[in-house]
Amino acid sequence: MSLPDQLLLSDLLNHTVRCDRGLDHGPGVMVWMHPPVHRLLGWVSRPSALRLSRDVWRLDQCCGFTDQQVFVRGDPSVSDQATLDRLPTLIDADLINRHGDRLGTLVDLSFSTATGAIREYLVARSDPRLPGSSRWRLTPDRILDQRPGVVSTGLTTLEDLPLHRASLRQDLLQRTQRWRDQLRQMGDRAGDRLEGWLDEPPWQDEGSPASAPSRSRLDDADPLEDWEDELWNQPQPSRRKDRDEDPWV
């Protein structure tokens, strides 16, 4: 029942808060943070769906973490939702690129459980409630300016950020692109090898028999050079005579 070194805000809010007296204080509903220094101070839980009060917890009150519950020590500060809505936060803020175009929304963050320092924000291009949507990692040092509901960066597209989690469509597009790159590289290597073969010198002088005449020598030979008229004028033995001399016929 120990705390991890790093935790996502969504994981913290999805757990039920239970104090050291064994009381159930309900699930987490929102974050309590200090945006100028990118630090998480605590979180808010809702003890009852019938009451308007909210329990506010400091991060240093968290002492244990299980699959379904987060354990805290001490008592919470009681507040109401109208007051908590005025707390500054970067969650659900629009991410703006260098040209002033909207790239996505800050939907989650990763923080250190020991100090509360925010290590990175997670950006979604579409509705974060859609299952399987992609998430991109945005570190605080890439934020140029921040105002209520708006975060400005020097980015051009979300592809300038490392991908934290890819959707099925995004993963398919990346795999298809990798396959295309591999096929293109194979084609380039085959073309380079073919060009190397065409650039090599002829091989007939290496390993060919010394007595084998070249094509040029055969072309220059005169077919009438060895002609003998005396042999041509000699009578040829007839086929009938050959048969008469055969004792088996």
C-alpha atoms as a PDB file:
ATOM      1  CA  MET A   1       0.000   0.000   0.000  1.00  0.00           C
ATOM      2  CA  SER A   2       2.791   2.405  -0.908  1.00  0.00           C
ATOM      3  CA  LEU A   3       2.707   5.429  -3.185  1.00  0.00           C
ATOM      4  CA  PRO A   4       4.247   5.273  -6.673  1.00  0.00           C
ATOM      5  CA  ASP A   5       6.904   7.833  -7.512  1.00  0.00           C
ATOM      6  CA  GLN A   6       4.867   9.188 -10.397  1.00  0.00           C
ATOM      7  CA  LEU A   7       1.101   9.238 -10.837  1.00  0.00           C
ATOM      8  CA  LEU A   8      -1.486  10.416 -13.312  1.00  0.00           C
ATOM      9  CA  LEU A   9      -4.149  12.816 -12.103  1.00  0.00           C
ATOM     10  CA  SER A  10      -6.828  10.676 -13.755  1.00  0.00           C
ATOM     11  CA  ASP A  11      -5.717   7.665 -11.702  1.00  0.00           C
ATOM     12  CA  LEU A  12      -5.879   9.711  -8.495  1.00  0.00           C
ATOM     13  CA  LEU A  13      -9.366  11.026  -9.230  1.00  0.00           C
ATOM     14  CA  ASN A  14     -10.684   7.585 -10.146  1.00  0.00           C
ATOM     15  CA  HIS A  15      -9.987   6.272  -6.630  1.00  0.00           C
ATOM     16  CA  THR A  16     -12.197   6.585  -3.574  1.00  0.00           C
ATOM     17  CA  VAL A  17     -10.731   8.523  -0.652  1.00  0.00           C
ATOM     18  CA  ARG A  18     -10.652   6.754   2.719  1.00  0.00           C
ATOM     19  CA  CYS A  19      -9.282   8.425   5.838  1.00  0.00           C
ATOM     20  CA  ASP A  20      -7.385   6.869   8.745  1.00  0.00           C
ATOM     21  CA  ARG A  21     -10.657   6.581  10.710  1.00  0.00           C
ATOM     22  CA  GLY A  22     -12.088   4.322   8.028  1.00  0.00           C
ATOM     23  CA  LEU A  23     -14.589   6.849   6.643  1.00  0.00           C
ATOM     24  CA  ASP A  24     -15.407   6.923   2.954  1.00  0.00           C
ATOM     25  CA  HIS A  25     -15.041  10.438   1.515  1.00  0.00           C
ATOM     26  CA  GLY A  26     -16.118   9.594  -2.015  1.00  0.00           C
ATOM     27  CA  PRO A  27     -14.304   9.727  -5.350  1.00  0.00           C
ATOM     28  CA  GLY A  28     -12.081  12.527  -6.560  1.00  0.00           C
ATOM     29  CA  VAL A  29     -13.722  15.182  -8.726  1.00  0.00           C
ATOM     30  CA  MET A  30     -11.113  17.865  -9.484  1.00  0.00           C
ATOM     31  CA  VAL A  31      -7.513  18.956  -9.024  1.00  0.00           C
ATOM     32  CA  TRP A  32      -6.091  21.679  -6.793  1.00  0.00           C
ATOM     33  CA  MET A  33      -2.986  23.110  -8.427  1.00  0.00           C
ATOM     34  CA  HIS A  34      -0.779  26.208  -8.728  1.00  0.00           C
ATOM     35  CA  PRO A  35      -0.334  26.826 -12.489  1.00  0.00           C
ATOM     36  CA  PRO A  36       2.435  29.487 -12.384  1.00  0.00           C
ATOM     37  CA  VAL A  37       4.939  26.976 -10.992  1.00  0.00           C
ATOM     38  CA  HIS A  38       3.263  23.856 -12.442  1.00  0.00           C
ATOM     39  CA  ARG A  39       2.708  22.161  -9.132  1.00  0.00           C
ATOM     40  CA  LEU A  40      -0.140  19.994  -7.858  1.00  0.00           C
ATOM     41  CA  LEU A  41      -1.193  20.974  -4.320  1.00  0.00           C
ATOM     42  CA  GLY A  42      -3.972  18.457  -3.741  1.00  0.00           C
ATOM     43  CA  TRP A  43      -7.335  17.275  -4.990  1.00  0.00           C
ATOM     44  CA  VAL A  44     -11.030  17.419  -4.162  1.00  0.00           C
ATOM     45  CA  SER A  45     -13.421  14.565  -3.393  1.00  0.00           C
ATOM     46  CA  ARG A  46     -17.206  14.426  -3.205  1.00  0.00           C
ATOM     47  CA  PRO A  47     -18.343  12.675   0.004  1.00  0.00           C
ATOM     48  CA  SER A  48     -22.007  12.461  -0.984  1.00  0.00           C
ATOM     49  CA  ALA A  49     -24.052  12.914  -4.142  1.00  0.00           C
ATOM     50  CA  LEU A  50     -26.844  14.520  -2.062  1.00  0.00           C
ATOM     51  CA  ARG A  51     -24.720  17.222  -0.418  1.00  0.00           C
ATOM     52  CA  LEU A  52     -23.131  20.267  -2.048  1.00  0.00           C
ATOM     53  CA  SER A  53     -20.062  20.217   0.197  1.00  0.00           C
ATOM     54  CA  ARG A  54     -16.668  19.050  -1.087  1.00  0.00           C
ATOM     55  CA  ASP A  55     -13.638  17.716   0.785  1.00  0.00           C
ATOM     56  CA  VAL A  56     -10.276  19.282  -0.124  1.00  0.00           C
ATOM     57  CA  TRP A  57      -7.130  17.249   0.528  1.00  0.00           C
ATOM     58  CA  ARG A  58      -3.494  18.284   0.509  1.00  0.00           C
ATOM     59  CA  LEU A  59      -1.124  16.084  -1.424  1.00  0.00           C
ATOM     60  CA  ASP A  60       1.014  15.405   1.668  1.00  0.00           C
ATOM     61  CA  GLN A  61      -2.039  13.853   3.364  1.00  0.00           C
ATOM     62  CA  CYS A  62      -1.918  10.954   0.909  1.00  0.00           C
ATOM     63  CA  CYS A  63      -0.240   7.959   2.526  1.00  0.00           C
ATOM     64  CA  GLY A  64      -1.320   4.872   0.586  1.00  0.00           C
ATOM     65  CA  PHE A  65      -2.617   3.698  -2.754  1.00  0.00           C
ATOM     66  CA  THR A  66      -4.449   0.532  -3.826  1.00  0.00           C
ATOM     67  CA  ASP A  67      -6.341  -0.541  -6.917  1.00  0.00           C
ATOM     68  CA  GLN A  68      -9.566   1.160  -5.832  1.00  0.00           C
ATOM     69  CA  GLN A  69      -8.789   3.433  -2.889  1.00  0.00           C
ATOM     70  CA  VAL A  70      -6.377   6.164  -1.842  1.00  0.00           C
ATOM     71  CA  PHE A  71      -5.721   6.444   1.899  1.00  0.00           C
ATOM     72  CA  VAL A  72      -5.229   9.781   3.635  1.00  0.00           C
ATOM     73  CA  ARG A  73      -4.380  10.896   7.132  1.00  0.00           C
ATOM     74  CA  GLY A  74      -6.021  13.768   8.961  1.00  0.00           C
ATOM     75  CA  ASP A  75      -9.194  15.737   8.243  1.00  0.00           C
ATOM     76  CA  PRO A  76     -10.060  17.556   5.005  1.00  0.00           C
ATOM     77  CA  SER A  77     -10.940  21.196   4.458  1.00  0.00           C
ATOM     78  CA  VAL A  78     -14.641  21.523   3.651  1.00  0.00           C
ATOM     79  CA  SER A  79     -15.684  23.788   0.780  1.00  0.00           C
ATOM     80  CA  ASP A  80     -18.391  24.098  -1.856  1.00  0.00           C
ATOM     81  CA  GLN A  81     -18.296  23.639  -5.616  1.00  0.00           C
ATOM     82  CA  ALA A  82     -18.953  27.308  -6.408  1.00  0.00           C
ATOM     83  CA  THR A  83     -15.824  28.334  -4.485  1.00  0.00           C
ATOM     84  CA  LEU A  84     -13.705  25.560  -5.971  1.00  0.00           C
ATOM     85  CA  ASP A  85     -14.682  26.535  -9.519  1.00  0.00           C
ATOM     86  CA  ARG A  86     -12.741  29.780  -9.023  1.00  0.00           C
ATOM     87  CA  LEU A  87      -9.468  27.958  -8.377  1.00  0.00           C
ATOM     88  CA  PRO A  88      -6.946  28.380 -11.232  1.00  0.00           C
ATOM     89  CA  THR A  89      -6.217  25.280 -13.280  1.00  0.00           C
ATOM     90  CA  LEU A  90      -4.791  24.293 -16.649  1.00  0.00           C
ATOM     91  CA  ILE A  91      -6.912  21.177 -16.983  1.00  0.00           C
ATOM     92  CA  ASP A  92      -9.381  21.524 -19.897  1.00  0.00           C
ATOM     93  CA  ALA A  93      -7.415  24.513 -21.227  1.00  0.00           C
ATOM     94  CA  ASP A  94      -7.019  24.878 -25.013  1.00  0.00           C
ATOM     95  CA  LEU A  95      -3.535  24.349 -26.444  1.00  0.00           C
ATOM     96  CA  ILE A  96      -2.587  27.010 -29.019  1.00  0.00           C
ATOM     97  CA  ASN A  97       0.278  26.759 -31.514  1.00  0.00           C
ATOM     98  CA  ARG A  98       2.588  29.521 -32.722  1.00  0.00           C
ATOM     99  CA  HIS A  99       0.072  30.668 -35.350  1.00  0.00           C
ATOM    100  CA  GLY A 100      -2.777  30.966 -32.871  1.00  0.00           C
ATOM    101  CA  ASP A 101      -4.547  27.804 -34.028  1.00  0.00           C
ATOM    102  CA  ARG A 102      -6.031  25.376 -31.551  1.00  0.00           C
ATOM    103  CA  LEU A 103      -4.244  22.017 -31.409  1.00  0.00           C
ATOM    104  CA  GLY A 104      -6.096  20.246 -28.622  1.00  0.00           C
ATOM    105  CA  THR A 105      -6.987  20.264 -24.944  1.00  0.00           C
ATOM    106  CA  LEU A 106      -4.985  19.591 -21.781  1.00  0.00           C
ATOM    107  CA  VAL A 107      -6.905  16.664 -20.312  1.00  0.00           C
ATOM    108  CA  ASP A 108      -4.504  15.070 -17.826  1.00  0.00           C
ATOM    109  CA  LEU A 109      -1.157  15.485 -16.108  1.00  0.00           C
ATOM    110  CA  SER A 110       1.620  13.420 -14.574  1.00  0.00           C
ATOM    111  CA  PHE A 111       3.083  14.548 -11.249  1.00  0.00           C
ATOM    112  CA  SER A 112       5.571  13.516  -8.589  1.00  0.00           C
ATOM    113  CA  THR A 113       3.816  12.157  -5.512  1.00  0.00           C
ATOM    114  CA  ALA A 114       6.649  13.366  -3.258  1.00  0.00           C
ATOM    115  CA  THR A 115       6.783  17.029  -4.298  1.00  0.00           C
ATOM    116  CA  GLY A 116       3.696  17.577  -6.467  1.00  0.00           C
ATOM    117  CA  ALA A 117       5.844  18.862  -9.349  1.00  0.00           C
ATOM    118  CA  ILE A 118       4.034  18.438 -12.654  1.00  0.00           C
ATOM    119  CA  ARG A 119       6.297  16.573 -15.033  1.00  0.00           C
ATOM    120  CA  GLU A 120       4.122  16.698 -18.140  1.00  0.00           C
ATOM    121  CA  TYR A 121       0.626  17.454 -19.366  1.00  0.00           C
ATOM    122  CA  LEU A 122      -1.325  15.120 -21.624  1.00  0.00           C
ATOM    123  CA  VAL A 123      -2.993  16.669 -24.655  1.00  0.00           C
ATOM    124  CA  ALA A 124      -5.983  15.230 -26.536  1.00  0.00           C
ATOM    125  CA  ARG A 125      -6.992  16.366 -29.985  1.00  0.00           C
ATOM    126  CA  SER A 126     -10.596  15.163 -29.778  1.00  0.00           C
ATOM    127  CA  ASP A 127     -13.067  14.735 -26.964  1.00  0.00           C
ATOM    128  CA  PRO A 128     -11.161  13.122 -24.051  1.00  0.00           C
ATOM    129  CA  ARG A 129     -14.253  11.150 -23.079  1.00  0.00           C
ATOM    130  CA  LEU A 130     -13.994   9.120 -26.289  1.00  0.00           C
ATOM    131  CA  PRO A 131     -12.406   5.736 -25.530  1.00  0.00           C
ATOM    132  CA  GLY A 132      -9.056   5.027 -27.113  1.00  0.00           C
ATOM    133  CA  SER A 133      -8.264   8.614 -28.109  1.00  0.00           C
ATOM    134  CA  SER A 134      -4.625   9.614 -28.557  1.00  0.00           C
ATOM    135  CA  ARG A 135      -2.581  11.497 -25.950  1.00  0.00           C
ATOM    136  CA  TRP A 136       0.535  13.631 -26.508  1.00  0.00           C
ATOM    137  CA  ARG A 137       3.053  14.611 -23.806  1.00  0.00           C
ATOM    138  CA  LEU A 138       3.649  18.321 -23.206  1.00  0.00           C
ATOM    139  CA  THR A 139       6.366  19.285 -20.740  1.00  0.00           C
ATOM    140  CA  PRO A 140       6.007  22.586 -18.821  1.00  0.00           C
ATOM    141  CA  ASP A 141       9.152  24.048 -20.401  1.00  0.00           C
ATOM    142  CA  ARG A 142       7.418  24.135 -23.800  1.00  0.00           C
ATOM    143  CA  ILE A 143       4.664  26.420 -22.528  1.00  0.00           C
ATOM    144  CA  LEU A 144       5.298  30.041 -23.534  1.00  0.00           C
ATOM    145  CA  ASP A 145       2.248  31.693 -21.978  1.00  0.00           C
ATOM    146  CA  GLN A 146      -0.797  30.638 -19.995  1.00  0.00           C
ATOM    147  CA  ARG A 147      -4.080  32.348 -19.293  1.00  0.00           C
ATOM    148  CA  PRO A 148      -7.372  31.051 -17.881  1.00  0.00           C
ATOM    149  CA  GLY A 149      -8.474  28.391 -20.339  1.00  0.00           C
ATOM    150  CA  VAL A 150      -5.634  28.975 -22.843  1.00  0.00           C
ATOM    151  CA  VAL A 151      -2.051  27.662 -23.045  1.00  0.00           C
ATOM    152  CA  SER A 152       0.284  29.023 -25.762  1.00  0.00           C
ATOM    153  CA  THR A 153       3.282  27.136 -27.159  1.00  0.00           C
ATOM    154  CA  GLY A 154       5.766  27.403 -30.005  1.00  0.00           C
ATOM    155  CA  LEU A 155       4.520  24.176 -31.583  1.00  0.00           C
ATOM    156  CA  THR A 156       3.281  23.830 -35.137  1.00  0.00           C
ATOM    157  CA  THR A 157       1.374  20.545 -34.879  1.00  0.00           C
ATOM    158  CA  LEU A 158       0.768  17.906 -32.218  1.00  0.00           C
ATOM    159  CA  GLU A 159       3.164  15.630 -34.101  1.00  0.00           C
ATOM    160  CA  ASP A 160       5.976  17.816 -32.711  1.00  0.00           C
ATOM    161  CA  LEU A 161       5.252  16.220 -29.312  1.00  0.00           C
ATOM    162  CA  PRO A 162       6.064  12.661 -28.225  1.00  0.00           C
ATOM    163  CA  LEU A 163       3.085  10.336 -28.250  1.00  0.00           C
ATOM    164  CA  HIS A 164       1.966   9.025 -24.859  1.00  0.00           C
ATOM    165  CA  ARG A 165      -0.810   6.737 -26.067  1.00  0.00           C
ATOM    166  CA  ALA A 166      -1.966   6.126 -29.613  1.00  0.00           C
ATOM    167  CA  SER A 167      -5.522   5.433 -30.673  1.00  0.00           C
ATOM    168  CA  LEU A 168      -6.280   2.472 -32.913  1.00  0.00           C
ATOM    169  CA  ARG A 169      -6.461   4.763 -35.943  1.00  0.00           C
ATOM    170  CA  GLN A 170      -3.236   6.575 -35.036  1.00  0.00           C
ATOM    171  CA  ASP A 171      -1.437   3.291 -34.398  1.00  0.00           C
ATOM    172  CA  LEU A 172      -2.603   1.914 -37.763  1.00  0.00           C
ATOM    173  CA  LEU A 173      -1.418   5.046 -39.566  1.00  0.00           C
ATOM    174  CA  GLN A 174       2.002   4.831 -37.916  1.00  0.00           C
ATOM    175  CA  ARG A 175       2.397   1.148 -38.757  1.00  0.00           C
ATOM    176  CA  THR A 176       1.335   1.760 -42.363  1.00  0.00           C
ATOM    177  CA  GLN A 177       3.876   4.571 -42.660  1.00  0.00           C
ATOM    178  CA  ARG A 178       6.618   2.319 -41.270  1.00  0.00           C
ATOM    179  CA  TRP A 179       5.718  -0.380 -43.802  1.00  0.00           C
ATOM    180  CA  ARG A 180       5.858   2.164 -46.624  1.00  0.00           C
ATOM    181  CA  ASP A 181       9.261   3.379 -45.442  1.00  0.00           C
ATOM    182  CA  GLN A 182      10.596  -0.177 -45.281  1.00  0.00           C
ATOM    183  CA  LEU A 183       9.343  -0.960 -48.803  1.00  0.00           C
ATOM    184  CA  ARG A 184      10.860   2.273 -50.090  1.00  0.00           C
ATOM    185  CA  GLN A 185      14.220   1.430 -48.487  1.00  0.00           C
ATOM    186  CA  MET A 186      14.146  -2.079 -49.984  1.00  0.00           C
ATOM    187  CA  GLY A 187      13.456  -0.585 -53.422  1.00  0.00           C
ATOM    188  CA  ASP A 188      16.303   1.906 -53.036  1.00  0.00           C
ATOM    189  CA  ARG A 189      18.755  -0.852 -52.035  1.00  0.00           C
ATOM    190  CA  ALA A 190      17.697  -3.004 -54.988  1.00  0.00           C
ATOM    191  CA  GLY A 191      18.161  -0.059 -57.373  1.00  0.00           C
ATOM    192  CA  ASP A 192      21.623   0.699 -55.970  1.00  0.00           C
ATOM    193  CA  ARG A 193      22.632  -2.954 -56.344  1.00  0.00           C
ATOM    194  CA  LEU A 194      21.439  -3.052 -59.966  1.00  0.00           C
ATOM    195  CA  GLU A 195      23.370   0.113 -60.781  1.00  0.00           C
ATOM    196  CA  GLY A 196      26.467  -1.469 -59.228  1.00  0.00           C
ATOM    197  CA  TRP A 197      26.121  -4.524 -61.460  1.00  0.00           C
ATOM    198  CA  LEU A 198      25.754  -2.360 -64.574  1.00  0.00           C
ATOM    199  CA  ASP A 199      28.834  -0.336 -63.656  1.00  0.00           C
ATOM    200  CA  GLU A 200      31.101  -3.417 -63.255  1.00  0.00           C
ATOM    201  CA  PRO A 201      33.657  -4.179 -66.124  1.00  0.00           C
ATOM    202  CA  PRO A 202      33.112  -7.199 -68.480  1.00  0.00           C
ATOM    203  CA  TRP A 203      34.173 -10.550 -67.072  1.00  0.00           C
ATOM    204  CA  GLN A 204      35.172 -12.532 -70.208  1.00  0.00           C
ATOM    205  CA  ASP A 205      38.922 -12.004 -69.604  1.00  0.00           C
ATOM    206  CA  GLU A 206      38.709 -13.552 -66.103  1.00  0.00           C
ATOM    207  CA  GLY A 207      38.195 -17.292 -65.779  1.00  0.00           C
ATOM    208  CA  SER A 208      37.545 -17.923 -69.496  1.00  0.00           C
ATOM    209  CA  PRO A 209      39.557 -20.743 -71.199  1.00  0.00           C
ATOM    210  CA  ALA A 210      42.653 -19.546 -73.050  1.00  0.00           C
ATOM    211  CA  SER A 211      41.917 -21.730 -76.065  1.00  0.00           C
ATOM    212  CA  ALA A 212      38.387 -20.484 -76.550  1.00  0.00           C
ATOM    213  CA  PRO A 213      38.305 -18.186 -79.594  1.00  0.00           C
ATOM    214  CA  SER A 214      36.724 -14.831 -79.223  1.00  0.00           C
ATOM    215  CA  ARG A 215      33.676 -13.805 -81.180  1.00  0.00           C
ATOM    216  CA  SER A 216      35.671 -11.286 -83.190  1.00  0.00           C
ATOM    217  CA  ARG A 217      38.146 -13.974 -84.348  1.00  0.00           C
ATOM    218  CA  LEU A 218      35.326 -16.242 -85.451  1.00  0.00           C
ATOM    219  CA  ASP A 219      33.734 -13.448 -87.406  1.00  0.00           C
ATOM    220  CA  ASP A 220      37.024 -12.706 -89.246  1.00  0.00           C
ATOM    221  CA  ALA A 221      37.651 -16.355 -90.333  1.00  0.00           C
ATOM    222  CA  ASP A 222      37.262 -17.133 -94.057  1.00  0.00           C
ATOM    223  CA  PRO A 223      35.066 -20.247 -94.599  1.00  0.00           C
ATOM    224  CA  LEU A 224      36.739 -20.960 -98.051  1.00  0.00           C
ATOM    225  CA  GLU A 225      40.333 -20.812 -96.774  1.00  0.00           C
ATOM    226  CA  ASP A 226      40.666 -24.609 -96.247  1.00  0.00           C
ATOM    227  CA  TRP A 227      38.685 -25.646 -99.383  1.00  0.00           C
ATOM    228  CA  GLU A 228      40.268 -28.579-101.320  1.00  0.00           C
ATOM    229  CA  ASP A 229      38.994 -29.231-104.832  1.00  0.00           C
ATOM    230  CA  GLU A 230      40.601 -32.730-105.106  1.00  0.00           C
ATOM    231  CA  LEU A 231      38.666 -34.056-102.137  1.00  0.00           C
ATOM    232  CA  TRP A 232      35.461 -32.589-103.440  1.00  0.00           C
ATOM    233  CA  ASN A 233      35.876 -34.238-106.909  1.00  0.00           C
ATOM    234  CA  GLN A 234      36.467 -37.747-105.530  1.00  0.00           C
ATOM    235  CA  PRO A 235      33.478 -40.057-106.066  1.00  0.00           C
ATOM    236  CA  GLN A 236      31.465 -40.810-103.025  1.00  0.00           C
ATOM    237  CA  PRO A 237      30.623 -44.448-102.198  1.00  0.00           C
ATOM    238  CA  SER A 238      27.067 -45.259-102.988  1.00  0.00           C
ATOM    239  CA  ARG A 239      24.609 -46.278-100.398  1.00  0.00           C
ATOM    240  CA  ARG A 240      23.787 -49.516-102.312  1.00  0.00           C
ATOM    241  CA  LYS A 241      27.405 -50.693-102.243  1.00  0.00           C
ATOM    242  CA  ASP A 242      27.520 -50.285 -98.534  1.00  0.00           C
ATOM    243  CA  ARG A 243      24.492 -52.512 -98.200  1.00  0.00           C
ATOM    244  CA  ASP A 244      26.031 -55.240-100.459  1.00  0.00           C
ATOM    245  CA  GLU A 245      29.135 -55.422 -98.335  1.00  0.00           C
ATOM    246  CA  ASP A 246      27.079 -55.863 -95.197  1.00  0.00           C
ATOM    247  CA  PRO A 247      26.981 -59.657 -94.476  1.00  0.00           C
ATOM    248  CA  TRP A 248      23.822 -59.381 -92.447  1.00  0.00           C
ATOM    249  CA  VAL A 249      21.639 -57.972 -95.205  1.00  0.00           C
END
